[in-house]
PDB file of N, CA and C in Angstrom:
ATOM      1  N   UNK A   1      66.072  84.959 130.443  1.00  0.00           N
ATOM      2  CA  UNK A   1      65.427  86.134 131.011  1.00  0.00           C
ATOM      3  C   UNK A   1      64.346  86.594 130.051  1.00  0.00           C
ATOM      4  N   UNK A   2      63.151  86.773 130.581  1.00  0.00           N
ATOM      5  CA  UNK A   2      61.979  87.172 129.763  1.00  0.00           C
ATOM      6  C   UNK A   2      62.156  88.657 129.483  1.00  0.00           C
ATOM      7  N   UNK A   3      62.126  88.989 128.147  1.00  0.00           N
ATOM      8  CA  UNK A   3      62.254  90.341 127.577  1.00  0.00           C
ATOM      9  C   UNK A   3      63.330  91.152 128.363  1.00  0.00           C
ATOM     10  N   UNK A   4      64.610  90.892 128.123  1.00  0.00           N
ATOM     11  CA  UNK A   4      65.683  91.691 128.899  1.00  0.00           C
ATOM     12  C   UNK A   4      65.624  93.050 128.536  1.00  0.00           C
ATOM     13  N   UNK A   5      65.988  93.886 129.575  1.00  0.00           N
ATOM     14  CA  UNK A   5      66.142  95.331 129.409  1.00  0.00           C
ATOM     15  C   UNK A   5      67.153  95.606 128.443  1.00  0.00           C
ATOM     16  N   UNK A   6      67.029  96.722 127.606  1.00  0.00           N
ATOM     17  CA  UNK A   6      68.046  97.132 126.711  1.00  0.00           C
ATOM     18  C   UNK A   6      69.262  97.651 127.335  1.00  0.00           C
ATOM     19  N   UNK A   7      70.417  97.144 126.843  1.00  0.00           N
ATOM     20  CA  UNK A   7      71.819  97.472 127.369  1.00  0.00           C
ATOM     21  C   UNK A   7      72.013  97.109 128.782  1.00  0.00           C
ATOM     22  N   UNK A   8      71.168  96.153 129.342  1.00  0.00           N
ATOM     23  CA  UNK A   8      71.389  95.638 130.752  1.00  0.00           C
ATOM     24  C   UNK A   8      72.045  94.373 130.569  1.00  0.00           C
ATOM     25  N   UNK A   9      73.362  94.292 130.878  1.00  0.00           N
ATOM     26  CA  UNK A   9      74.100  93.016 130.669  1.00  0.00           C
ATOM     27  C   UNK A   9      73.615  91.861 131.520  1.00  0.00           C
ATOM     28  N   UNK A  10      73.571  90.729 131.013  1.00  0.00           N
ATOM     29  CA  UNK A  10      73.411  89.519 131.664  1.00  0.00           C
ATOM     30  C   UNK A  10      74.612  88.734 131.801  1.00  0.00           C
ATOM     31  N   UNK A  11      75.061  88.480 132.985  1.00  0.00           N
ATOM     32  CA  UNK A  11      76.366  87.864 133.159  1.00  0.00           C
ATOM     33  C   UNK A  11      76.148  86.422 133.716  1.00  0.00           C
ATOM     34  N   UNK A  12      76.747  85.421 133.084  1.00  0.00           N
ATOM     35  CA  UNK A  12      76.653  84.121 133.388  1.00  0.00           C
ATOM     36  C   UNK A  12      78.064  83.411 133.589  1.00  0.00           C
ATOM     37  N   UNK A  13      78.225  82.617 134.493  1.00  0.00           N
ATOM     38  CA  UNK A  13      79.580  81.954 134.737  1.00  0.00           C
ATOM     39  C   UNK A  13      79.507  80.513 135.003  1.00  0.00           C
ATOM     40  N   UNK A  14      80.463  79.794 134.697  1.00  0.00           N
ATOM     41  CA  UNK A  14      80.540  78.329 135.097  1.00  0.00           C
ATOM     42  C   UNK A  14      81.977  78.116 135.702  1.00  0.00           C
ATOM     43  N   UNK A  15      81.980  77.454 136.899  1.00  0.00           N
ATOM     44  CA  UNK A  15      83.271  77.254 137.437  1.00  0.00           C
ATOM     45  C   UNK A  15      83.686  75.770 137.447  1.00  0.00           C
ATOM     46  N   UNK A  16      84.966  75.659 137.421  1.00  0.00           N
ATOM     47  CA  UNK A  16      85.527  74.283 137.538  1.00  0.00           C
ATOM     48  C   UNK A  16      85.709  73.958 139.016  1.00  0.00           C
ATOM     49  N   UNK A  17      85.811  72.654 139.278  1.00  0.00           N
ATOM     50  CA  UNK A  17      85.973  72.160 140.689  1.00  0.00           C
ATOM     51  C   UNK A  17      87.371  72.778 141.180  1.00  0.00           C
ATOM     52  N   UNK A  18      87.458  72.959 142.429  1.00  0.00           N
ATOM     53  CA  UNK A  18      88.566  73.633 143.002  1.00  0.00           C
ATOM     54  C   UNK A  18      89.997  73.022 142.559  1.00  0.00           C
ATOM     55  N   UNK A  19      89.935  71.713 142.327  1.00  0.00           N
ATOM     56  CA  UNK A  19      91.226  70.983 142.000  1.00  0.00           C
ATOM     57  C   UNK A  19      91.364  70.930 140.468  1.00  0.00           C
ATOM     58  N   UNK A  20      90.533  71.491 139.692  1.00  0.00           N
ATOM     59  CA  UNK A  20      90.590  71.527 138.183  1.00  0.00           C
ATOM     60  C   UNK A  20      91.111  72.828 137.602  1.00  0.00           C
ATOM     61  N   UNK A  21      91.582  72.820 136.355  1.00  0.00           N
ATOM     62  CA  UNK A  21      91.998  74.027 135.665  1.00  0.00           C
ATOM     63  C   UNK A  21      91.189  74.183 134.431  1.00  0.00           C
ATOM     64  N   UNK A  22      90.748  75.469 134.227  1.00  0.00           N
ATOM     65  CA  UNK A  22      89.976  75.743 132.976  1.00  0.00           C
ATOM     66  C   UNK A  22      90.939  75.647 131.835  1.00  0.00           C
ATOM     67  N   UNK A  23      90.462  74.858 130.743  1.00  0.00           N
ATOM     68  CA  UNK A  23      91.184  74.848 129.594  1.00  0.00           C
ATOM     69  C   UNK A  23      90.458  75.337 128.321  1.00  0.00           C
ATOM     70  N   UNK A  24      89.272  75.794 128.476  1.00  0.00           N
ATOM     71  CA  UNK A  24      88.442  76.269 127.437  1.00  0.00           C
ATOM     72  C   UNK A  24      87.045  76.450 127.811  1.00  0.00           C
ATOM     73  N   UNK A  25      86.308  76.907 126.869  1.00  0.00           N
ATOM     74  CA  UNK A  25      84.814  77.217 127.112  1.00  0.00           C
ATOM     75  C   UNK A  25      84.107  78.082 126.129  1.00  0.00           C
ATOM     76  N   UNK A  26      82.918  78.527 126.371  1.00  0.00           N
ATOM     77  CA  UNK A  26      82.160  79.230 125.427  1.00  0.00           C
ATOM     78  C   UNK A  26      81.076  79.713 125.966  1.00  0.00           C
ATOM     79  N   UNK A  27      80.391  80.698 125.262  1.00  0.00           N
ATOM     80  CA  UNK A  27      79.064  81.413 125.668  1.00  0.00           C
ATOM     81  C   UNK A  27      78.124  81.360 124.364  1.00  0.00           C
ATOM     82  N   UNK A  28      76.918  80.939 124.719  1.00  0.00           N
ATOM     83  CA  UNK A  28      75.881  80.819 123.577  1.00  0.00           C
ATOM     84  C   UNK A  28      74.698  81.660 124.114  1.00  0.00           C
ATOM     85  N   UNK A  29      74.131  82.480 123.140  1.00  0.00           N
ATOM     86  CA  UNK A  29      72.881  83.273 123.446  1.00  0.00           C
ATOM     87  C   UNK A  29      71.798  82.876 122.476  1.00  0.00           C
ATOM     88  N   UNK A  30      70.681  82.540 122.843  1.00  0.00           N
ATOM     89  CA  UNK A  30      69.537  82.221 122.002  1.00  0.00           C
ATOM     90  C   UNK A  30      68.316  82.976 122.380  1.00  0.00           C
ATOM     91  N   UNK A  31      67.544  83.553 121.389  1.00  0.00           N
ATOM     92  CA  UNK A  31      66.267  84.171 121.650  1.00  0.00           C
ATOM     93  C   UNK A  31      65.271  83.209 121.149  1.00  0.00           C
ATOM     94  N   UNK A  32      64.205  83.050 122.007  1.00  0.00           N
ATOM     95  CA  UNK A  32      63.101  82.114 121.754  1.00  0.00           C
ATOM     96  C   UNK A  32      62.295  82.498 120.495  1.00  0.00           C
ATOM     97  N   UNK A  33      62.270  83.793 120.202  1.00  0.00           N
ATOM     98  CA  UNK A  33      61.647  84.273 118.959  1.00  0.00           C
ATOM     99  C   UNK A  33      62.851  84.573 118.055  1.00  0.00           C
ATOM    100  N   UNK A  34      62.947  83.913 116.919  1.00  0.00           N
ATOM    101  CA  UNK A  34      63.986  84.036 115.992  1.00  0.00           C
ATOM    102  C   UNK A  34      64.186  85.484 115.460  1.00  0.00           C
ATOM    103  N   UNK A  35      63.181  86.236 115.528  1.00  0.00           N
ATOM    104  CA  UNK A  35      63.201  87.615 114.915  1.00  0.00           C
ATOM    105  C   UNK A  35      64.023  88.508 115.884  1.00  0.00           C
ATOM    106  N   UNK A  36      64.303  88.038 117.090  1.00  0.00           N
ATOM    107  CA  UNK A  36      65.047  88.761 118.151  1.00  0.00           C
ATOM    108  C   UNK A  36      66.487  88.482 118.141  1.00  0.00           C
ATOM    109  N   UNK A  37      66.978  87.568 117.272  1.00  0.00           N
ATOM    110  CA  UNK A  37      68.316  87.211 117.202  1.00  0.00           C
ATOM    111  C   UNK A  37      69.235  88.406 116.879  1.00  0.00           C
ATOM    112  N   UNK A  38      68.814  89.265 116.177  1.00  0.00           N
ATOM    113  CA  UNK A  38      69.648  90.422 115.729  1.00  0.00           C
ATOM    114  C   UNK A  38      69.569  91.539 116.776  1.00  0.00           C
ATOM    115  N   UNK A  39      68.768  91.303 117.976  1.00  0.00           N
ATOM    116  CA  UNK A  39      68.618  92.260 118.933  1.00  0.00           C
ATOM    117  C   UNK A  39      69.446  91.987 120.187  1.00  0.00           C
ATOM    118  N   UNK A  40      70.424  91.212 119.991  1.00  0.00           N
ATOM    119  CA  UNK A  40      71.293  90.854 121.187  1.00  0.00           C
ATOM    120  C   UNK A  40      72.743  90.913 120.723  1.00  0.00           C
ATOM    121  N   UNK A  41      73.595  91.099 121.768  1.00  0.00           N
ATOM    122  CA  UNK A  41      75.068  91.336 121.482  1.00  0.00           C
ATOM    123  C   UNK A  41      75.876  90.601 122.577  1.00  0.00           C
ATOM    124  N   UNK A  42      76.748  89.713 122.045  1.00  0.00           N
ATOM    125  CA  UNK A  42      77.622  88.989 123.058  1.00  0.00           C
ATOM    126  C   UNK A  42      78.798  90.031 123.241  1.00  0.00           C
ATOM    127  N   UNK A  43      78.785  90.481 124.570  1.00  0.00           N
ATOM    128  CA  UNK A  43      79.831  91.535 124.968  1.00  0.00           C
ATOM    129  C   UNK A  43      81.139  90.915 125.397  1.00  0.00           C
ATOM    130  N   UNK A  44      81.102  89.667 126.016  1.00  0.00           N
ATOM    131  CA  UNK A  44      82.301  89.076 126.545  1.00  0.00           C
ATOM    132  C   UNK A  44      82.097  87.578 126.758  1.00  0.00           C
ATOM    133  N   UNK A  45      83.162  86.870 126.424  1.00  0.00           N
ATOM    134  CA  UNK A  45      83.218  85.422 126.570  1.00  0.00           C
ATOM    135  C   UNK A  45      84.660  85.123 126.795  1.00  0.00           C
ATOM    136  N   UNK A  46      85.004  84.540 128.001  1.00  0.00           N
ATOM    137  CA  UNK A  46      86.394  84.302 128.194  1.00  0.00           C
ATOM    138  C   UNK A  46      86.599  83.580 129.525  1.00  0.00           C
ATOM    139  N   UNK A  47      87.906  83.134 129.690  1.00  0.00           N
ATOM    140  CA  UNK A  47      88.199  82.468 130.969  1.00  0.00           C
ATOM    141  C   UNK A  47      88.373  83.296 132.088  1.00  0.00           C
ATOM    142  N   UNK A  48      88.083  82.846 133.229  1.00  0.00           N
ATOM    143  CA  UNK A  48      88.390  83.487 134.550  1.00  0.00           C
ATOM    144  C   UNK A  48      89.308  82.530 135.383  1.00  0.00           C
ATOM    145  N   UNK A  49      89.813  83.050 136.522  1.00  0.00           N
ATOM    146  CA  UNK A  49      90.806  82.249 137.256  1.00  0.00           C
ATOM    147  C   UNK A  49      90.195  80.810 137.534  1.00  0.00           C
ATOM    148  N   UNK A  50      88.750  80.843 137.679  1.00  0.00           N
ATOM    149  CA  UNK A  50      88.213  79.575 138.108  1.00  0.00           C
ATOM    150  C   UNK A  50      87.284  78.883 137.143  1.00  0.00           C
ATOM    151  N   UNK A  51      87.186  79.428 135.903  1.00  0.00           N
ATOM    152  CA  UNK A  51      86.188  78.808 134.973  1.00  0.00           C
ATOM    153  C   UNK A  51      86.000  79.696 133.711  1.00  0.00           C
ATOM    154  N   UNK A  52      84.668  79.967 133.348  1.00  0.00           N
ATOM    155  CA  UNK A  52      84.416  80.797 132.173  1.00  0.00           C
ATOM    156  C   UNK A  52      83.324  81.782 132.491  1.00  0.00           C
ATOM    157  N   UNK A  53      83.289  82.883 131.839  1.00  0.00           N
ATOM    158  CA  UNK A  53      82.301  83.980 132.059  1.00  0.00           C
ATOM    159  C   UNK A  53      81.826  84.351 130.651  1.00  0.00           C
ATOM    160  N   UNK A  54      80.491  84.632 130.582  1.00  0.00           N
ATOM    161  CA  UNK A  54      79.974  85.165 129.360  1.00  0.00           C
ATOM    162  C   UNK A  54      79.003  86.304 129.701  1.00  0.00           C
ATOM    163  N   UNK A  55      78.936  87.338 128.920  1.00  0.00           N
ATOM    164  CA  UNK A  55      78.099  88.593 129.197  1.00  0.00           C
ATOM    165  C   UNK A  55      77.371  88.907 127.912  1.00  0.00           C
ATOM    166  N   UNK A  56      76.004  89.043 127.878  1.00  0.00           N
ATOM    167  CA  UNK A  56      75.262  89.332 126.689  1.00  0.00           C
ATOM    168  C   UNK A  56      74.217  90.426 127.069  1.00  0.00           C
ATOM    169  N   UNK A  57      73.925  91.319 126.145  1.00  0.00           N
ATOM    170  CA  UNK A  57      72.960  92.309 126.388  1.00  0.00           C
ATOM    171  C   UNK A  57      72.026  92.451 125.140  1.00  0.00           C
ATOM    172  N   UNK A  58      70.756  92.870 125.487  1.00  0.00           N
ATOM    173  CA  UNK A  58      69.903  93.185 124.358  1.00  0.00           C
ATOM    174  C   UNK A  58      70.219  94.487 123.790  1.00  0.00           C
ATOM    175  N   UNK A  59      70.154  94.644 122.524  1.00  0.00           N
ATOM    176  CA  UNK A  59      70.456  95.978 121.834  1.00  0.00           C
ATOM    177  C   UNK A  59      69.206  96.702 121.527  1.00  0.00           C
ATOM    178  N   UNK A  60      68.109  96.072 121.566  1.00  0.00           N
ATOM    179  CA  UNK A  60      66.780  96.560 121.350  1.00  0.00           C
ATOM    180  C   UNK A  60      65.739  95.709 122.096  1.00  0.00           C
ATOM    181  N   UNK A  61      64.525  96.158 122.332  1.00  0.00           N
ATOM    182  CA  UNK A  61      63.497  95.459 123.132  1.00  0.00           C
ATOM    183  C   UNK A  61      63.065  94.263 122.380  1.00  0.00           C
ATOM    184  N   UNK A  62      63.043  93.100 123.021  1.00  0.00           N
ATOM    185  CA  UNK A  62      62.591  91.871 122.533  1.00  0.00           C
ATOM    186  C   UNK A  62      61.031  91.853 122.342  1.00  0.00           C
ATOM    187  N   UNK A  63      60.582  91.016 121.530  1.00  0.00           N
ATOM    188  CA  UNK A  63      59.075  90.914 121.207  1.00  0.00           C
ATOM    189  C   UNK A  63      58.476  90.350 122.594  1.00  0.00           C
ATOM    190  N   UNK A  64      57.157  90.799 122.767  1.00  0.00           N
ATOM    191  CA  UNK A  64      56.442  90.299 123.913  1.00  0.00           C
ATOM    192  C   UNK A  64      56.495  88.735 123.979  1.00  0.00           C
ATOM    193  N   UNK A  65      56.860  88.209 125.144  1.00  0.00           N
ATOM    194  CA  UNK A  65      56.933  86.812 125.334  1.00  0.00           C
ATOM    195  C   UNK A  65      58.233  86.102 124.952  1.00  0.00           C
ATOM    196  N   UNK A  66      59.130  86.915 124.196  1.00  0.00           N
ATOM    197  CA  UNK A  66      60.387  86.335 123.844  1.00  0.00           C
ATOM    198  C   UNK A  66      61.308  86.209 125.078  1.00  0.00           C
ATOM    199  N   UNK A  67      62.111  85.113 125.055  1.00  0.00           N
ATOM    200  CA  UNK A  67      63.032  84.906 126.136  1.00  0.00           C
ATOM    201  C   UNK A  67      64.479  84.772 125.654  1.00  0.00           C
ATOM    202  N   UNK A  68      65.376  85.450 126.312  1.00  0.00           N
ATOM    203  CA  UNK A  68      66.782  85.291 126.135  1.00  0.00           C
ATOM    204  C   UNK A  68      67.407  84.272 127.049  1.00  0.00           C
ATOM    205  N   UNK A  69      68.010  83.238 126.432  1.00  0.00           N
ATOM    206  CA  UNK A  69      68.664  82.193 127.160  1.00  0.00           C
ATOM    207  C   UNK A  69      70.191  82.332 126.989  1.00  0.00           C
ATOM    208  N   UNK A  70      71.018  82.443 128.084  1.00  0.00           N
ATOM    209  CA  UNK A  70      72.482  82.467 127.917  1.00  0.00           C
ATOM    210  C   UNK A  70      72.999  81.203 128.550  1.00  0.00           C
ATOM    211  N   UNK A  71      73.827  80.539 127.891  1.00  0.00           N
ATOM    212  CA  UNK A  71      74.500  79.338 128.316  1.00  0.00           C
ATOM    213  C   UNK A  71      76.012  79.440 128.256  1.00  0.00           C
ATOM    214  N   UNK A  72      76.675  79.156 129.345  1.00  0.00           N
ATOM    215  CA  UNK A  72      78.050  79.276 129.398  1.00  0.00           C
ATOM    216  C   UNK A  72      78.612  77.796 129.766  1.00  0.00           C
ATOM    217  N   UNK A  73      79.663  77.456 129.108  1.00  0.00           N
ATOM    218  CA  UNK A  73      80.273  76.110 129.308  1.00  0.00           C
ATOM    219  C   UNK A  73      81.653  76.338 129.671  1.00  0.00           C
ATOM    220  N   UNK A  74      82.210  75.634 130.709  1.00  0.00           N
ATOM    221  CA  UNK A  74      83.648  75.644 130.949  1.00  0.00           C
ATOM    222  C   UNK A  74      84.129  74.209 130.810  1.00  0.00           C
ATOM    223  N   UNK A  75      85.309  74.154 130.066  1.00  0.00           N
ATOM    224  CA  UNK A  75      85.997  72.815 129.994  1.00  0.00           C
ATOM    225  C   UNK A  75      87.079  72.778 130.976  1.00  0.00           C
ATOM    226  N   UNK A  76      87.132  71.784 131.862  1.00  0.00           N
ATOM    227  CA  UNK A  76      88.014  71.704 132.961  1.00  0.00           C
ATOM    228  C   UNK A  76      88.852  70.456 132.869  1.00  0.00           C
ATOM    229  N   UNK A  77      90.074  70.490 133.414  1.00  0.00           N
ATOM    230  CA  UNK A  77      90.962  69.406 133.371  1.00  0.00           C
ATOM    231  C   UNK A  77      91.522  69.240 134.737  1.00  0.00           C
ATOM    232  N   UNK A  78      91.548  67.904 135.155  1.00  0.00           N
ATOM    233  CA  UNK A  78      92.170  67.525 136.464  1.00  0.00           C
ATOM    234  C   UNK A  78      93.627  67.386 136.269  1.00  0.00           C
ATOM    235  N   UNK A  79      94.475  68.374 136.710  1.00  0.00           N
ATOM    236  CA  UNK A  79      95.928  68.314 136.566  1.00  0.00           C
ATOM    237  C   UNK A  79      96.600  67.031 137.089  1.00  0.00           C
TER     238      UNK A  79
END
């Protein structure tokens, strides 16, 4: 997201296939301008009934042109 609004959470999720079970996962947040790394906060990262959810918010305004990328990974197992 290009220059995310301050305190406006960005929520991202990854789901397993209907026949799979989530066994782990994670959330990663990256700012394209390294000086903005301290301007974001990982609010939530955890399992859902069907996968994994991550929530990240900017704590201050990013530099012009800086982009926040949030990546969520779910590790799934076929029972």
